[in-house]
Protein backbone atom coordinates (compact mmCIF):
# COMPACT_ATOMS: atom_id res chain seq x y z
CA MET A 1 35.27 -41.11 3.77
CA ARG A 2 32.71 -38.37 3.41
CA ILE A 3 32.03 -35.78 6.08
CA ASP A 4 28.37 -35.13 6.85
CA PHE A 5 28.09 -31.37 7.31
CA SER A 6 24.63 -31.59 8.86
CA ASP A 7 25.85 -33.41 12.00
CA LEU A 8 27.07 -30.40 13.98
CA ASP A 9 28.01 -32.39 17.10
CA ARG A 10 30.37 -34.54 15.07
CA MET A 11 31.84 -31.44 13.43
CA ALA A 12 32.41 -29.92 16.89
CA GLY A 13 34.15 -33.16 17.91
CA ILE A 14 36.43 -32.94 14.87
CA ALA A 15 37.28 -29.36 15.82
CA GLU A 16 38.11 -30.48 19.34
CA ALA A 17 40.35 -33.25 17.96
CA PHE A 18 42.20 -30.69 15.84
CA GLY A 19 42.71 -28.64 19.00
CA ARG A 20 44.33 -31.59 20.77
CA LEU A 21 46.43 -32.34 17.69
CA PHE A 22 47.63 -28.73 17.67
CA TRP A 23 48.90 -28.88 21.25
CA CYS A 24 50.54 -32.28 20.71
CA LEU A 25 52.34 -30.95 17.64
CA MET A 26 53.48 -27.88 19.58
CA ALA A 27 54.97 -30.14 22.27
CA VAL A 28 56.72 -32.30 19.66
CA ALA A 29 58.07 -29.19 17.90
CA PHE A 30 59.40 -27.85 21.20
CA LEU A 31 61.11 -31.12 22.02
CA ALA A 32 62.55 -31.40 18.50
CA ALA A 33 64.00 -27.89 18.72
CA LEU A 34 65.25 -28.57 22.24
CA PHE A 35 67.11 -31.71 21.13
CA GLY A 36 68.73 -29.94 18.19
CA SER A 37 66.57 -30.86 15.22
CA ALA A 38 65.54 -27.41 14.02
CA GLY A 39 64.32 -28.58 10.61
CA THR A 40 61.99 -31.16 12.09
CA GLY A 41 60.80 -28.63 14.66
CA LEU A 42 59.97 -26.14 11.90
CA LEU A 43 58.12 -28.79 9.90
CA VAL A 44 56.07 -29.79 12.93
CA LEU A 45 55.33 -26.11 13.68
CA ILE A 46 53.98 -25.70 10.14
CA LEU A 47 51.83 -28.82 10.59
CA GLY A 48 50.59 -27.42 13.90
CA ALA A 49 49.67 -24.14 12.23
CA ALA A 50 47.70 -26.06 9.60
CA SER A 51 45.83 -28.00 12.28
CA PHE A 52 45.06 -24.75 14.11
CA CYS A 53 43.63 -23.22 10.91
CA ALA A 54 41.54 -26.34 10.32
CA ARG A 55 40.24 -26.22 13.90
CA VAL A 56 39.23 -22.58 13.60
CA GLY A 57 37.54 -23.30 10.28
CA PHE A 58 35.51 -26.15 11.72
CA GLU A 59 34.54 -24.12 14.80
CA ASP A 60 33.48 -21.17 12.67
CA PHE A 61 31.46 -23.44 10.39
CA VAL A 62 29.66 -25.04 13.34
CA ARG A 63 29.03 -21.66 14.97
CA ALA A 64 27.58 -20.27 11.73
CA ARG A 65 25.31 -23.28 11.24
CA ARG A 66 24.08 -23.22 14.81
CA GLY A 67 23.45 -19.50 14.52
CA GLU A 68 21.28 -20.14 11.44
CA GLU A 69 19.29 -22.75 13.34
CA ASP A 70 18.76 -20.36 16.28
CA ARG A 71 17.62 -17.54 13.99
CA SER A 72 15.20 -19.75 12.09
CA ALA A 73 13.72 -21.19 15.30
CA LYS A 74 12.76 -17.91 16.96
CA PRO A 75 13.11 -14.41 15.56
CA GLN A 76 14.55 -11.96 18.05
CA ALA A 77 13.63 -8.32 18.42
CA ARG A 78 16.37 -5.88 17.52
CA SER A 79 17.77 -3.90 20.39
CA GLU A 80 20.62 -1.52 20.91
CA PRO A 81 23.97 -3.31 21.04
CA GLU A 82 25.78 -3.40 24.33
CA PRO A 83 28.81 -1.11 24.49
CA GLU A 84 32.07 -2.96 24.22
CA PHE A 85 33.74 -0.91 26.95
CA THR A 86 32.94 1.79 29.45
CA VAL A 87 35.18 4.75 30.22
CA HIS A 88 35.22 5.98 33.80
CA ARG A 89 36.79 9.27 34.76
CA THR A 90 39.03 8.89 37.78
CA SER A 91 39.48 12.54 38.69
CA ARG A 92 36.55 14.64 39.92
CA ARG A 93 38.22 18.05 39.78
CA PRO A 94 38.19 20.02 36.54
CA ARG A 95 41.37 20.40 34.57
CA ARG A 96 43.30 23.58 35.05
CA THR A 97 44.87 25.25 32.10
CA ARG A 98 48.04 27.16 32.65
CA VAL A 99 48.05 30.71 31.52
CA ARG A 100 51.46 32.16 30.96
CA ALA A 101 52.03 35.85 30.99
CA LEU A 102 53.64 37.20 27.89
CA SER A 103 57.00 38.85 28.30
CA ARG A 104 58.57 41.46 26.06
CA ASP A 105 60.58 38.77 24.22
CA ASP A 106 57.42 36.89 23.18
CA VAL A 107 55.77 39.88 21.51
């Protein structure tokens, strides 16, 4: 079976199937560990991790290809990026610094 990398909807469907497989494997691993089969639970956890990596790979591939299509369809003007976070000051009064008088022992 050969995967057609140009059909992005099908690739997104494969990624979604890997997501479902991941959660099913996590449930099976939990039940296996709960019923006392730690080795089987570990094996299923490793298989779940592999399916998660495959899902992320497919999603990233589809996102990259769709991004290329969007860029080739209409060029966008460059603008300043939005800030990721905004810092708000909660206190309105200025900070007071403490000034300590020097005693004879300090000199």
